[in-house]
N, C-alpha and C. Protein backbone atom coordinates (compact mmCIF):
# COMPACT_ATOMS: atom_id res chain seq x y z
N UNK A 1 -0.04 -45.60 -84.61
CA UNK A 1 0.01 -45.46 -83.16
C UNK A 1 -1.02 -47.42 -82.58
N UNK A 2 -0.56 -47.16 -81.33
CA UNK A 2 -1.02 -48.50 -80.22
C UNK A 2 -2.13 -48.44 -80.29
N UNK A 3 -2.78 -50.08 -80.11
CA UNK A 3 -4.21 -50.05 -80.11
C UNK A 3 -4.02 -51.42 -79.33
N UNK A 4 -5.05 -51.45 -77.89
CA UNK A 4 -5.85 -52.13 -77.02
C UNK A 4 -6.36 -52.75 -77.34
N UNK A 5 -6.05 -54.42 -78.00
CA UNK A 5 -6.63 -55.07 -79.03
C UNK A 5 -7.49 -56.37 -77.98
N UNK A 6 -7.42 -56.19 -76.10
CA UNK A 6 -7.63 -57.48 -75.61
C UNK A 6 -9.04 -57.59 -75.75
N UNK A 7 -9.45 -58.97 -75.31
CA UNK A 7 -10.76 -59.65 -76.10
C UNK A 7 -11.54 -58.96 -74.48
N UNK A 8 -12.59 -57.87 -74.88
CA UNK A 8 -13.54 -57.53 -73.90
C UNK A 8 -13.50 -58.19 -72.54
N UNK A 9 -15.29 -59.08 -72.78
CA UNK A 9 -15.38 -60.20 -71.59
C UNK A 9 -14.29 -60.47 -70.92
N UNK A 10 -13.72 -61.26 -71.90
CA UNK A 10 -12.24 -62.06 -70.64
C UNK A 10 -11.58 -61.07 -70.03
N UNK A 11 -11.33 -60.29 -70.46
CA UNK A 11 -10.57 -59.04 -69.79
C UNK A 11 -11.33 -58.40 -68.37
N UNK A 12 -12.22 -58.59 -68.60
CA UNK A 12 -13.45 -57.73 -67.47
C UNK A 12 -13.13 -58.91 -66.44
N UNK A 13 -13.70 -60.11 -66.49
CA UNK A 13 -13.57 -61.04 -66.10
C UNK A 13 -12.25 -60.78 -64.85
N UNK A 14 -10.88 -61.27 -65.97
CA UNK A 14 -9.98 -61.26 -65.19
C UNK A 14 -9.88 -59.54 -64.23
N UNK A 15 -10.15 -58.37 -64.49
CA UNK A 15 -10.33 -57.82 -63.82
C UNK A 15 -11.31 -57.36 -62.79
N UNK A 16 -12.13 -58.22 -62.95
CA UNK A 16 -13.32 -57.45 -61.63
C UNK A 16 -14.64 -56.60 -62.58
N UNK A 17 -14.83 -56.86 -63.90
CA UNK A 17 -15.38 -55.15 -64.23
C UNK A 17 -16.32 -55.95 -64.79
N UNK A 18 -17.59 -55.12 -64.62
CA UNK A 18 -18.83 -56.26 -65.34
C UNK A 18 -18.77 -55.68 -67.21
N UNK A 19 -19.12 -56.29 -67.85
CA UNK A 19 -18.90 -55.79 -69.15
C UNK A 19 -19.93 -54.54 -69.50
N UNK A 20 -20.84 -54.24 -68.99
CA UNK A 20 -21.95 -53.25 -68.76
C UNK A 20 -20.80 -52.12 -68.93
N UNK A 21 -20.01 -52.28 -67.78
CA UNK A 21 -19.29 -50.63 -67.80
C UNK A 21 -18.68 -50.31 -69.25
N UNK A 22 -18.53 -51.04 -70.02
CA UNK A 22 -17.90 -50.93 -71.48
C UNK A 22 -18.86 -50.80 -72.52
N UNK A 23 -20.14 -51.05 -72.29
CA UNK A 23 -20.70 -51.03 -72.92
C UNK A 23 -21.33 -52.28 -73.20
N UNK A 24 -20.72 -53.69 -73.39
CA UNK A 24 -20.92 -54.43 -74.17
C UNK A 24 -22.03 -54.96 -72.95
N UNK A 25 -22.64 -56.45 -73.53
CA UNK A 25 -23.40 -57.30 -73.04
C UNK A 25 -23.39 -58.71 -72.52
N UNK A 26 -23.12 -59.34 -72.00
CA UNK A 26 -22.06 -60.80 -71.76
C UNK A 26 -23.19 -61.56 -71.90
N UNK A 27 -23.05 -62.40 -73.16
CA UNK A 27 -23.98 -63.70 -73.39
C UNK A 27 -23.75 -65.02 -72.61
N UNK A 28 -24.56 -65.55 -71.93
CA UNK A 28 -24.57 -66.64 -70.97
C UNK A 28 -24.65 -67.53 -72.10
N UNK A 29 -23.94 -68.95 -72.35
CA UNK A 29 -24.26 -70.10 -73.32
C UNK A 29 -25.23 -70.66 -72.59
N UNK A 30 -25.87 -71.12 -73.66
CA UNK A 30 -27.41 -72.30 -72.50
C UNK A 30 -26.21 -73.31 -72.74
N UNK A 31 -26.85 -74.23 -71.44
CA UNK A 31 -26.39 -75.58 -70.84
C UNK A 31 -24.88 -75.64 -70.51
N UNK A 32 -24.06 -74.05 -70.34
CA UNK A 32 -22.90 -74.40 -70.00
C UNK A 32 -22.79 -74.47 -68.88
N UNK A 33 -21.88 -75.29 -68.50
CA UNK A 33 -21.30 -76.04 -66.77
C UNK A 33 -20.19 -75.44 -66.83
N UNK A 34 -19.71 -75.28 -65.38
CA UNK A 34 -18.65 -75.20 -64.94
C UNK A 34 -17.69 -76.02 -64.96
N UNK A 35 -16.57 -76.44 -65.57
CA UNK A 35 -15.58 -77.32 -65.86
C UNK A 35 -14.67 -77.80 -64.43
N UNK A 36 -14.41 -76.06 -64.25
CA UNK A 36 -13.68 -76.54 -62.27
C UNK A 36 -14.56 -75.67 -61.69
N UNK A 37 -14.98 -76.32 -60.64
CA UNK A 37 -15.97 -75.72 -59.66
C UNK A 37 -14.98 -74.96 -58.85
N UNK A 38 -13.85 -75.35 -58.59
CA UNK A 38 -12.77 -74.62 -57.32
C UNK A 38 -12.14 -73.39 -58.13
N UNK A 39 -12.20 -73.17 -59.35
CA UNK A 39 -11.87 -71.91 -60.05
C UNK A 39 -11.83 -70.65 -59.37
N UNK A 40 -12.83 -70.91 -58.68
CA UNK A 40 -13.12 -69.30 -58.04
C UNK A 40 -12.30 -68.86 -56.51
N UNK A 41 -12.10 -69.75 -56.35
CA UNK A 41 -10.86 -69.98 -55.10
C UNK A 41 -9.34 -69.85 -55.40
N UNK A 42 -8.97 -68.58 -55.66
CA UNK A 42 -8.09 -68.00 -56.01
C UNK A 42 -7.10 -67.96 -54.96
N UNK A 43 -5.54 -67.80 -54.64
CA UNK A 43 -4.82 -67.29 -53.96
C UNK A 43 -5.14 -65.47 -53.86
N UNK A 44 -4.86 -65.50 -52.28
CA UNK A 44 -4.95 -64.70 -51.90
C UNK A 44 -3.66 -63.54 -52.89
N UNK A 45 -4.17 -61.81 -53.47
CA UNK A 45 -3.32 -61.29 -54.32
C UNK A 45 -2.43 -60.58 -52.84
N UNK A 46 -1.27 -60.38 -53.45
CA UNK A 46 -0.10 -59.27 -52.55
C UNK A 46 -0.78 -57.83 -52.89
N UNK A 47 -0.32 -56.99 -52.27
CA UNK A 47 -0.61 -55.85 -52.39
C UNK A 47 -0.35 -54.96 -53.28
N UNK A 48 1.13 -55.49 -53.75
CA UNK A 48 1.15 -54.78 -55.15
C UNK A 48 0.09 -55.44 -56.62
N UNK A 49 -0.67 -56.34 -56.28
CA UNK A 49 -1.22 -57.26 -57.37
C UNK A 49 -2.28 -56.57 -57.29
N UNK A 50 -3.01 -55.73 -56.12
CA UNK A 50 -4.22 -55.26 -56.03
C UNK A 50 -3.88 -54.08 -56.56
N UNK A 51 -3.08 -53.42 -55.85
CA UNK A 51 -2.83 -52.22 -56.78
C UNK A 51 -2.52 -51.95 -58.28
N UNK A 52 -2.15 -52.88 -58.67
CA UNK A 52 -1.89 -53.07 -60.24
C UNK A 52 -3.20 -53.56 -61.01
N UNK A 53 -3.48 -54.09 -60.07
CA UNK A 53 -5.31 -54.76 -60.51
C UNK A 53 -5.71 -53.25 -60.75
N UNK A 54 -6.24 -52.34 -60.16
CA UNK A 54 -6.90 -51.21 -59.75
C UNK A 54 -6.58 -50.32 -60.92
N UNK A 55 -5.08 -50.07 -61.18
CA UNK A 55 -4.56 -48.97 -62.78
C UNK A 55 -5.00 -49.94 -63.66
N UNK A 56 -4.56 -51.00 -63.76
CA UNK A 56 -5.17 -51.91 -65.00
C UNK A 56 -6.48 -51.55 -65.55
N UNK A 57 -7.52 -51.79 -64.57
CA UNK A 57 -8.78 -51.56 -64.28
C UNK A 57 -9.08 -50.08 -65.17
N UNK A 58 -9.10 -49.20 -64.94
CA UNK A 58 -9.20 -48.01 -64.82
C UNK A 58 -8.51 -47.55 -66.80
N UNK A 59 -7.37 -48.24 -67.11
CA UNK A 59 -6.41 -48.17 -68.00
C UNK A 59 -7.46 -48.88 -69.18
N UNK A 60 -7.98 -50.05 -68.55
CA UNK A 60 -8.82 -50.61 -69.70
C UNK A 60 -10.18 -50.13 -70.12
N UNK A 61 -10.63 -49.86 -69.36
CA UNK A 61 -12.08 -49.16 -69.25
C UNK A 61 -12.05 -47.54 -70.15
N UNK A 62 -11.36 -47.16 -69.93
CA UNK A 62 -10.81 -45.85 -71.06
C UNK A 62 -10.09 -46.26 -72.14
N UNK A 63 -9.39 -47.28 -72.41
CA UNK A 63 -8.39 -47.86 -73.66
C UNK A 63 -7.23 -46.73 -73.83
N UNK A 64 -6.67 -46.61 -72.29
CA UNK A 64 -5.23 -45.94 -71.83
C UNK A 64 -3.97 -46.57 -72.29
N UNK A 65 -3.24 -46.24 -72.70
CA UNK A 65 -2.38 -47.46 -72.33
C UNK A 65 -1.24 -46.47 -71.80
N UNK A 66 -0.23 -47.43 -70.67
CA UNK A 66 0.61 -46.60 -69.97
C UNK A 66 1.23 -45.29 -70.13
N UNK A 67 1.75 -45.11 -71.18
CA UNK A 67 2.74 -43.85 -70.86
C UNK A 67 1.73 -42.57 -70.92
N UNK A 68 0.54 -42.83 -71.68
CA UNK A 68 -0.32 -41.40 -71.36
C UNK A 68 -0.62 -41.87 -70.01
N UNK A 69 -1.39 -42.66 -69.29
CA UNK A 69 -1.99 -43.14 -68.14
C UNK A 69 -0.80 -42.02 -66.93
N UNK A 70 0.15 -42.69 -67.34
CA UNK A 70 1.34 -42.27 -66.63
C UNK A 70 1.51 -40.69 -67.00
N UNK A 71 1.56 -39.74 -67.37
CA UNK A 71 1.28 -38.62 -67.97
C UNK A 71 0.20 -37.96 -66.94
N UNK A 72 -1.03 -38.43 -67.05
CA UNK A 72 -2.57 -37.61 -66.23
C UNK A 72 -2.30 -38.56 -65.02
N UNK A 73 -1.26 -39.03 -64.42
CA UNK A 73 -1.32 -38.99 -62.99
C UNK A 73 -0.36 -37.75 -62.27
N UNK A 74 0.58 -37.71 -63.02
CA UNK A 74 2.03 -36.62 -62.98
C UNK A 74 1.05 -35.68 -62.91
N UNK A 75 0.41 -35.15 -63.68
CA UNK A 75 -0.65 -33.69 -64.34
C UNK A 75 -1.70 -33.88 -62.48
N UNK A 76 -2.19 -34.94 -62.24
CA UNK A 76 -3.04 -34.67 -61.15
C UNK A 76 -2.43 -34.60 -60.00
N UNK A 77 -0.95 -35.28 -59.70
CA UNK A 77 0.24 -35.23 -58.59
C UNK A 77 0.31 -33.71 -58.43
N UNK A 78 0.48 -33.05 -59.69
CA UNK A 78 0.94 -31.46 -59.05
C UNK A 78 -0.22 -30.58 -59.13
N UNK A 79 -1.51 -31.13 -59.01
CA UNK A 79 -2.67 -29.97 -58.92
C UNK A 79 -2.97 -30.00 -57.45
N UNK A 80 -3.86 -29.32 -56.82
CA UNK A 80 -4.21 -28.88 -55.87
C UNK A 80 -5.38 -29.65 -54.91
N UNK A 81 -6.04 -30.54 -55.59
CA UNK A 81 -6.93 -31.64 -55.25
C UNK A 81 -6.45 -32.70 -54.63
N UNK A 82 -7.12 -33.73 -54.62
CA UNK A 82 -7.08 -35.33 -54.17
C UNK A 82 -6.54 -35.84 -55.44
N UNK A 83 -5.32 -36.20 -55.33
CA UNK A 83 -4.57 -37.02 -56.87
C UNK A 83 -5.66 -37.92 -57.42
N UNK A 84 -6.17 -38.98 -56.87
CA UNK A 84 -6.54 -40.03 -56.83
C UNK A 84 -7.96 -39.46 -57.85
N UNK A 85 -8.37 -38.40 -57.37
CA UNK A 85 -10.05 -38.39 -57.78
C UNK A 85 -9.23 -36.83 -59.12
N UNK A 86 -8.45 -36.72 -59.31
CA UNK A 86 -8.35 -35.27 -60.18
C UNK A 86 -8.00 -36.38 -61.22
N UNK A 87 -7.27 -37.52 -60.95
CA UNK A 87 -7.11 -38.64 -61.88
C UNK A 87 -8.15 -39.32 -62.63
N UNK A 88 -9.30 -39.43 -62.15
CA UNK A 88 -10.27 -39.69 -62.90
C UNK A 88 -11.31 -39.00 -63.23
N UNK A 89 -11.49 -38.18 -62.96
CA UNK A 89 -12.06 -36.52 -63.16
C UNK A 89 -11.73 -35.70 -64.50
N UNK A 90 -10.25 -36.08 -64.29
CA UNK A 90 -9.33 -35.99 -65.79
C UNK A 90 -9.64 -36.71 -66.82
N UNK A 91 -9.23 -38.11 -66.70
CA UNK A 91 -9.99 -38.86 -67.83
C UNK A 91 -11.27 -38.89 -68.40
N UNK A 92 -12.12 -38.85 -67.42
CA UNK A 92 -13.45 -38.91 -67.35
C UNK A 92 -13.92 -37.37 -68.56
N UNK A 93 -13.06 -36.57 -68.56
CA UNK A 93 -13.06 -35.72 -69.36
C UNK A 93 -12.81 -35.68 -70.99
N UNK A 94 -12.43 -37.02 -71.21
CA UNK A 94 -11.68 -37.06 -72.72
C UNK A 94 -12.87 -37.51 -74.10
N UNK A 95 -12.34 -36.96 -74.92
CA UNK A 95 -14.03 -36.17 -75.67
C UNK A 95 -14.07 -38.07 -76.19
N UNK A 96 -13.02 -39.16 -76.55
CA UNK A 96 -13.97 -40.13 -76.56
C UNK A 96 -14.69 -40.65 -75.81
N UNK A 97 -14.80 -40.30 -74.35
CA UNK A 97 -15.28 -41.00 -73.25
C UNK A 97 -16.75 -40.23 -73.56
N UNK A 98 -16.43 -38.79 -73.24
CA UNK A 98 -17.79 -38.09 -73.37
C UNK A 98 -18.93 -38.12 -74.64
N UNK A 99 -18.37 -38.45 -75.87
CA UNK A 99 -18.94 -39.10 -76.87
C UNK A 99 -19.67 -40.52 -76.83
N UNK A 100 -19.23 -41.00 -75.66
CA UNK A 100 -19.65 -42.59 -75.43
C UNK A 100 -20.42 -41.83 -74.40
N UNK A 101 -20.52 -41.39 -72.92
CA UNK A 101 -21.13 -40.82 -72.13
C UNK A 101 -22.77 -39.92 -72.81
N UNK A 102 -22.46 -39.60 -74.19
CA UNK A 102 -23.22 -38.80 -74.70
C UNK A 102 -24.79 -39.51 -75.49
N UNK A 103 -23.98 -40.95 -75.73
CA UNK A 103 -24.92 -42.09 -76.15
C UNK A 103 -24.77 -41.49 -77.67
N UNK A 104 -23.64 -41.21 -78.24
CA UNK A 104 -23.74 -41.46 -79.51
C UNK A 104 -22.50 -41.87 -80.02
N UNK A 105 -22.14 -43.42 -79.14
CA UNK A 105 -21.49 -44.35 -79.45
C UNK A 105 -21.84 -45.20 -78.63
N UNK A 106 -21.56 -46.75 -78.89
CA UNK A 106 -21.99 -47.98 -78.02
C UNK A 106 -21.41 -48.22 -77.32
N UNK A 107 -19.99 -48.01 -77.46
CA UNK A 107 -18.71 -48.41 -76.56
C UNK A 107 -17.84 -47.22 -76.78
N UNK A 108 -16.89 -46.86 -75.80
CA UNK A 108 -15.60 -46.27 -75.91
C UNK A 108 -14.83 -46.19 -76.52
N UNK A 109 -14.58 -47.86 -76.93
CA UNK A 109 -14.03 -48.27 -78.25
C UNK A 109 -14.34 -48.01 -80.06
N UNK A 110 -15.37 -47.58 -79.98
CA UNK A 110 -16.42 -47.18 -80.91
C UNK A 110 -16.12 -45.61 -80.78
N UNK A 111 -16.59 -45.09 -79.95
CA UNK A 111 -16.36 -43.79 -79.90
C UNK A 111 -14.57 -43.16 -80.35
N UNK A 112 -13.86 -44.04 -79.45
CA UNK A 112 -12.66 -43.54 -80.08
C UNK A 112 -12.69 -43.18 -81.53
N UNK A 113 -12.69 -44.52 -82.32
CA UNK A 113 -12.88 -44.74 -83.35
C UNK A 113 -13.29 -43.56 -84.53
N UNK A 114 -14.52 -43.51 -83.58
CA UNK A 114 -15.78 -41.97 -84.50
C UNK A 114 -14.48 -40.89 -84.47
N UNK A 115 -13.65 -40.89 -83.43
CA UNK A 115 -13.62 -39.83 -83.49
C UNK A 115 -12.01 -39.33 -84.14
N UNK A 116 -11.66 -40.21 -84.25
CA UNK A 116 -10.59 -40.57 -85.03
C UNK A 116 -10.50 -40.13 -86.66
N UNK A 117 -12.00 -40.55 -86.85
CA UNK A 117 -12.26 -40.33 -88.03
C UNK A 117 -12.95 -39.17 -88.46
N UNK A 118 -12.62 -38.43 -87.73
CA UNK A 118 -13.23 -37.00 -87.63
C UNK A 118 -14.68 -36.76 -87.69
N UNK A 119 -15.69 -37.27 -87.22
CA UNK A 119 -17.09 -37.01 -87.51
C UNK A 119 -17.10 -36.30 -86.14
N UNK A 120 -16.92 -35.71 -85.63
CA UNK A 120 -17.17 -34.77 -83.90
C UNK A 120 -17.01 -33.64 -84.68
N UNK A 121 -17.15 -32.51 -83.65
CA UNK A 121 -16.87 -30.82 -83.59
C UNK A 121 -16.84 -30.97 -82.55
N UNK A 122 -16.21 -29.72 -81.95
CA UNK A 122 -16.19 -29.01 -80.46
C UNK A 122 -16.03 -28.03 -81.10
N UNK A 123 -16.88 -26.84 -80.18
CA UNK A 123 -17.56 -25.89 -80.92
C UNK A 123 -17.73 -25.55 -82.10
N UNK A 124 -17.79 -26.20 -82.88
CA UNK A 124 -17.98 -26.00 -84.20
C UNK A 124 -17.04 -26.30 -85.24
N UNK A 125 -15.50 -27.18 -84.28
CA UNK A 125 -14.25 -27.56 -85.33
C UNK A 125 -14.21 -28.98 -85.19
N UNK A 126 -13.67 -28.89 -86.24
CA UNK A 126 -13.87 -30.74 -86.00
C UNK A 126 -12.62 -31.50 -85.36
N UNK A 127 -12.84 -32.18 -84.53
CA UNK A 127 -11.66 -32.69 -83.23
C UNK A 127 -11.30 -34.01 -83.86
N UNK A 128 -10.18 -34.44 -83.99
CA UNK A 128 -10.12 -35.87 -84.12
C UNK A 128 -9.10 -36.33 -83.10
N UNK A 129 -9.02 -35.70 -81.94
CA UNK A 129 -7.75 -36.74 -81.10
C UNK A 129 -8.92 -37.28 -80.16
N UNK A 130 -8.70 -38.34 -79.65
CA UNK A 130 -9.74 -38.85 -78.98
C UNK A 130 -9.17 -38.66 -77.36
N UNK A 131 -8.01 -38.25 -77.18
CA UNK A 131 -7.50 -37.48 -75.95
C UNK A 131 -7.45 -36.51 -75.08
N UNK A 132 -8.23 -35.58 -76.54
CA UNK A 132 -8.67 -33.91 -76.43
C UNK A 132 -9.69 -33.66 -75.13
N UNK A 133 -9.44 -32.96 -73.95
CA UNK A 133 -10.11 -32.72 -72.91
C UNK A 133 -11.12 -31.35 -72.91
N UNK A 134 -12.44 -32.02 -72.63
CA UNK A 134 -13.50 -30.92 -72.92
C UNK A 134 -13.66 -29.98 -71.86
N UNK A 135 -13.88 -29.05 -71.60
CA UNK A 135 -14.11 -27.61 -70.54
C UNK A 135 -15.49 -27.76 -70.89
N UNK A 136 -16.23 -26.92 -69.59
CA UNK A 136 -17.36 -26.75 -69.23
C UNK A 136 -17.67 -25.30 -70.55
N UNK A 137 -18.90 -25.58 -70.84
CA UNK A 137 -19.17 -24.77 -72.12
C UNK A 137 -19.09 -25.13 -73.34
N UNK A 138 -18.33 -25.93 -73.73
CA UNK A 138 -17.70 -26.95 -74.79
C UNK A 138 -19.10 -26.86 -75.30
N UNK A 139 -19.52 -27.45 -76.93
CA UNK A 139 -20.55 -27.95 -77.24
C UNK A 139 -19.44 -29.00 -77.98
N UNK A 140 -20.43 -29.93 -78.02
CA UNK A 140 -19.68 -31.22 -78.70
C UNK A 140 -20.97 -32.03 -80.13
N UNK A 141 -20.91 -31.97 -81.01
CA UNK A 141 -21.56 -31.97 -82.14
C UNK A 141 -20.99 -33.15 -82.89
N UNK A 142 -22.06 -33.40 -84.00
CA UNK A 142 -21.79 -34.32 -85.03
C UNK A 142 -21.21 -33.71 -86.53
N UNK A 143 -20.43 -34.02 -86.69
CA UNK A 143 -19.99 -33.06 -88.30
C UNK A 143 -21.30 -32.98 -89.04
N UNK A 144 -21.82 -31.82 -89.79
CA UNK A 144 -22.72 -31.78 -90.69
C UNK A 144 -22.57 -33.18 -91.76
N UNK A 145 -21.52 -32.98 -92.41
CA UNK A 145 -21.84 -34.24 -93.43
C UNK A 145 -21.66 -35.97 -92.96
N UNK A 146 -21.75 -35.96 -91.59
CA UNK A 146 -21.82 -36.87 -91.35
C UNK A 146 -23.37 -37.09 -90.42
N UNK A 147 -23.86 -36.83 -89.86
CA UNK A 147 -24.88 -36.31 -89.57
C UNK A 147 -26.09 -37.39 -90.39
N UNK A 148 -25.97 -37.56 -91.80
CA UNK A 148 -26.79 -38.94 -92.87
C UNK A 148 -26.54 -39.63 -92.30
N UNK A 149 -25.17 -40.43 -91.69
CA UNK A 149 -24.74 -41.55 -91.59
C UNK A 149 -25.90 -42.38 -91.29
N UNK A 150 -25.93 -43.83 -91.78
CA UNK A 150 -26.83 -44.56 -91.08
C UNK A 150 -26.52 -44.86 -89.35
N UNK A 151 -25.22 -44.72 -88.77
CA UNK A 151 -25.08 -44.97 -87.58
C UNK A 151 -25.30 -44.11 -86.78
N UNK A 152 -25.23 -42.79 -87.37
CA UNK A 152 -25.52 -41.69 -86.17
C UNK A 152 -27.32 -41.34 -86.63
N UNK A 153 -27.54 -41.67 -87.29
CA UNK A 153 -29.12 -41.78 -87.36
C UNK A 153 -29.88 -42.55 -86.40
N UNK A 154 -28.87 -43.73 -86.25
CA UNK A 154 -29.88 -44.26 -85.52
C UNK A 154 -28.80 -44.09 -83.92
N UNK A 155 -27.89 -44.01 -83.54
CA UNK A 155 -27.64 -43.07 -82.17
C UNK A 155 -28.26 -41.95 -81.72
N UNK A 156 -28.77 -41.55 -82.87
CA UNK A 156 -29.59 -40.10 -82.24
C UNK A 156 -31.01 -39.93 -82.66
N UNK A 157 -31.40 -41.09 -82.80
CA UNK A 157 -32.99 -41.10 -82.64
C UNK A 157 -33.73 -40.96 -81.85
N UNK A 158 -35.13 -40.34 -81.61
CA UNK A 158 -35.48 -40.51 -80.13
C UNK A 158 -35.94 -41.55 -79.58
N UNK A 159 -36.05 -42.49 -79.54
CA UNK A 159 -35.96 -43.54 -78.98
C UNK A 159 -34.75 -44.13 -78.40
N UNK A 160 -33.30 -43.50 -78.86
CA UNK A 160 -32.31 -44.31 -78.43
C UNK A 160 -31.85 -43.95 -76.90
N UNK A 161 -31.64 -45.11 -76.54
CA UNK A 161 -31.50 -45.10 -74.57
C UNK A 161 -30.28 -44.30 -74.41
N UNK A 162 -30.50 -42.80 -73.89
CA UNK A 162 -29.07 -42.30 -72.77
C UNK A 162 -29.45 -42.38 -71.42
N UNK A 163 -28.10 -42.06 -70.71
CA UNK A 163 -28.19 -42.03 -69.27
C UNK A 163 -26.71 -41.20 -69.46
N UNK A 164 -27.37 -40.09 -69.36
CA UNK A 164 -26.20 -39.00 -69.71
C UNK A 164 -25.70 -38.20 -67.90
N UNK A 165 -24.68 -38.42 -67.61
CA UNK A 165 -24.38 -37.79 -66.25
C UNK A 165 -24.80 -36.35 -66.26
N UNK A 166 -24.83 -36.35 -65.06
CA UNK A 166 -24.90 -34.49 -64.37
C UNK A 166 -24.53 -33.60 -65.38
N UNK A 167 -22.83 -33.75 -65.18
CA UNK A 167 -22.39 -32.92 -65.85
C UNK A 167 -22.12 -32.62 -67.21
N UNK A 168 -23.26 -33.22 -67.60
CA UNK A 168 -23.20 -32.98 -69.59
C UNK A 168 -24.93 -32.90 -69.59
N UNK A 169 -25.04 -32.57 -70.68
CA UNK A 169 -26.47 -32.14 -70.97
C UNK A 169 -26.56 -32.48 -72.18
N UNK A 170 -27.48 -33.14 -73.03
CA UNK A 170 -27.65 -33.46 -74.71
C UNK A 170 -29.47 -32.77 -74.97
N UNK A 171 -28.64 -32.64 -76.06
CA UNK A 171 -30.01 -31.57 -76.71
C UNK A 171 -30.67 -32.31 -77.97
N UNK A 172 -31.40 -32.94 -77.78
CA UNK A 172 -32.22 -33.83 -78.63
C UNK A 172 -32.38 -33.81 -80.46
N UNK A 173 -32.81 -31.93 -80.17
CA UNK A 173 -33.26 -31.56 -81.46
C UNK A 173 -32.30 -31.09 -82.23
N UNK A 174 -31.15 -30.79 -81.67
CA UNK A 174 -30.02 -30.32 -82.54
C UNK A 174 -29.17 -31.79 -82.40
N UNK A 175 -29.00 -32.64 -81.72
CA UNK A 175 -28.57 -33.52 -81.61
C UNK A 175 -26.79 -33.58 -81.09
N UNK A 176 -27.10 -32.49 -80.13
CA UNK A 176 -25.46 -32.19 -79.78
C UNK A 176 -25.74 -32.06 -78.09
N UNK A 177 -24.51 -32.80 -77.42
CA UNK A 177 -24.06 -32.16 -76.44
C UNK A 177 -23.59 -31.07 -75.64
N UNK A 178 -23.65 -30.79 -74.69
CA UNK A 178 -22.89 -29.50 -73.89
C UNK A 178 -22.54 -30.02 -72.63
N UNK A 179 -21.44 -29.37 -72.34
CA UNK A 179 -20.58 -29.85 -71.07
C UNK A 179 -21.17 -28.41 -70.01
N UNK A 180 -21.31 -29.04 -69.18
CA UNK A 180 -22.18 -27.63 -68.31
C UNK A 180 -21.61 -27.72 -66.81
N UNK A 181 -20.51 -28.67 -66.63
CA UNK A 181 -19.78 -28.43 -65.56
C UNK A 181 -18.69 -29.47 -65.30
N UNK A 182 -17.71 -29.64 -64.71
CA UNK A 182 -16.40 -29.99 -64.31
C UNK A 182 -17.36 -31.73 -63.68
N UNK A 183 -16.51 -32.65 -64.14
CA UNK A 183 -17.25 -34.22 -63.19
C UNK A 183 -16.41 -33.93 -62.37
N UNK A 184 -17.83 -34.64 -61.30
CA UNK A 184 -16.73 -34.63 -59.94
C UNK A 184 -17.00 -36.60 -59.56
N UNK A 185 -16.23 -36.73 -58.55
CA UNK A 185 -16.09 -38.29 -58.23
C UNK A 185 -17.10 -38.96 -58.56
N UNK A 186 -18.01 -38.29 -58.07
CA UNK A 186 -19.00 -39.42 -57.88
C UNK A 186 -20.25 -39.59 -59.38
N UNK A 187 -19.63 -38.94 -60.34
CA UNK A 187 -19.95 -39.14 -61.47
C UNK A 187 -19.01 -40.32 -62.13
N UNK A 188 -17.89 -40.56 -61.62
CA UNK A 188 -18.06 -41.91 -61.97
C UNK A 188 -18.23 -43.38 -62.35
N UNK A 189 -18.66 -44.04 -63.20
CA UNK A 189 -19.81 -44.92 -63.62
C UNK A 189 -18.90 -46.57 -63.38
N UNK A 190 -18.25 -46.78 -62.32
CA UNK A 190 -17.79 -47.95 -62.21
C UNK A 190 -17.30 -47.82 -60.33
N UNK A 191 -16.75 -49.31 -59.97
CA UNK A 191 -16.50 -49.40 -58.66
C UNK A 191 -14.80 -49.29 -59.28
N UNK A 192 -14.30 -48.37 -58.52
CA UNK A 192 -12.72 -48.09 -58.18
C UNK A 192 -11.79 -47.61 -57.14
N UNK A 193 -11.43 -48.36 -56.45
CA UNK A 193 -10.36 -47.35 -55.26
C UNK A 193 -8.93 -47.19 -55.82
N UNK A 194 -9.15 -45.45 -56.66
CA UNK A 194 -8.41 -44.96 -57.20
C UNK A 194 -6.90 -44.81 -56.03
N UNK A 195 -7.14 -44.83 -54.33
CA UNK A 195 -6.24 -44.73 -53.74
C UNK A 195 -5.17 -45.31 -54.37
N UNK A 196 -5.86 -47.04 -54.40
CA UNK A 196 -4.63 -47.80 -54.58
C UNK A 196 -3.67 -47.29 -55.91
N UNK A 197 -3.60 -46.60 -56.60
CA UNK A 197 -3.35 -46.38 -58.34
C UNK A 197 -2.26 -45.12 -57.79
N UNK A 198 -2.67 -44.14 -56.49
CA UNK A 198 -1.74 -43.79 -56.21
C UNK A 198 -0.35 -44.45 -55.08
N UNK A 199 -1.20 -44.93 -54.70
CA UNK A 199 0.17 -45.58 -53.58
C UNK A 199 1.04 -46.52 -54.42
N UNK A 200 0.43 -46.87 -55.95
CA UNK A 200 1.06 -47.92 -56.33
C UNK A 200 2.04 -46.91 -57.10
N UNK A 201 2.03 -45.78 -57.57
CA UNK A 201 3.12 -45.03 -58.12
C UNK A 201 3.97 -43.92 -57.42
N UNK A 202 3.51 -44.32 -56.06
CA UNK A 202 4.13 -43.30 -55.51
C UNK A 202 5.22 -43.95 -54.65
N UNK A 203 4.97 -45.08 -55.08
CA UNK A 203 6.48 -46.22 -54.42
C UNK A 203 7.88 -45.78 -55.25
């Protein structure tokens, strides 16, 4: 399976994304200075470049490659809703993203790896497919044999920070999450102009 091995912080800068969206904290170097003060003055981007940047941004944040992303778009285009919004909310329902949003992984990349290794269950059944799309009513839990691992003890500790979106619920006593609704456009936790992605694919 292909992997996206791009450097996080460097790629975030290029796409105009805060590393915090990816679950990372960018550390500044003490005493660092800008070697090129004029580096911020870049040439105006073409319409195509702006549209491409928005697509690359979403792909990078969720860790999706082009073929799969195109598939999400074509599915959204066939739906009865607004194509761009359906695209984003569909991707938001990926199991690896849900694991991250429940606070059971520090980053989406980490969540994807943990899912691949079979550490999670959906409605009591092991699921090791990161792209698995959850639906309302589904319960996401940690596999019983994985609960004793130091990693999960840390992530399920009572003092672990969580910022769970309203379409999900987290039960600290059971260390599991539940999908209570379909995600909406305002649940997307980063700035993106999805209409530009639609315009790009519509050409």
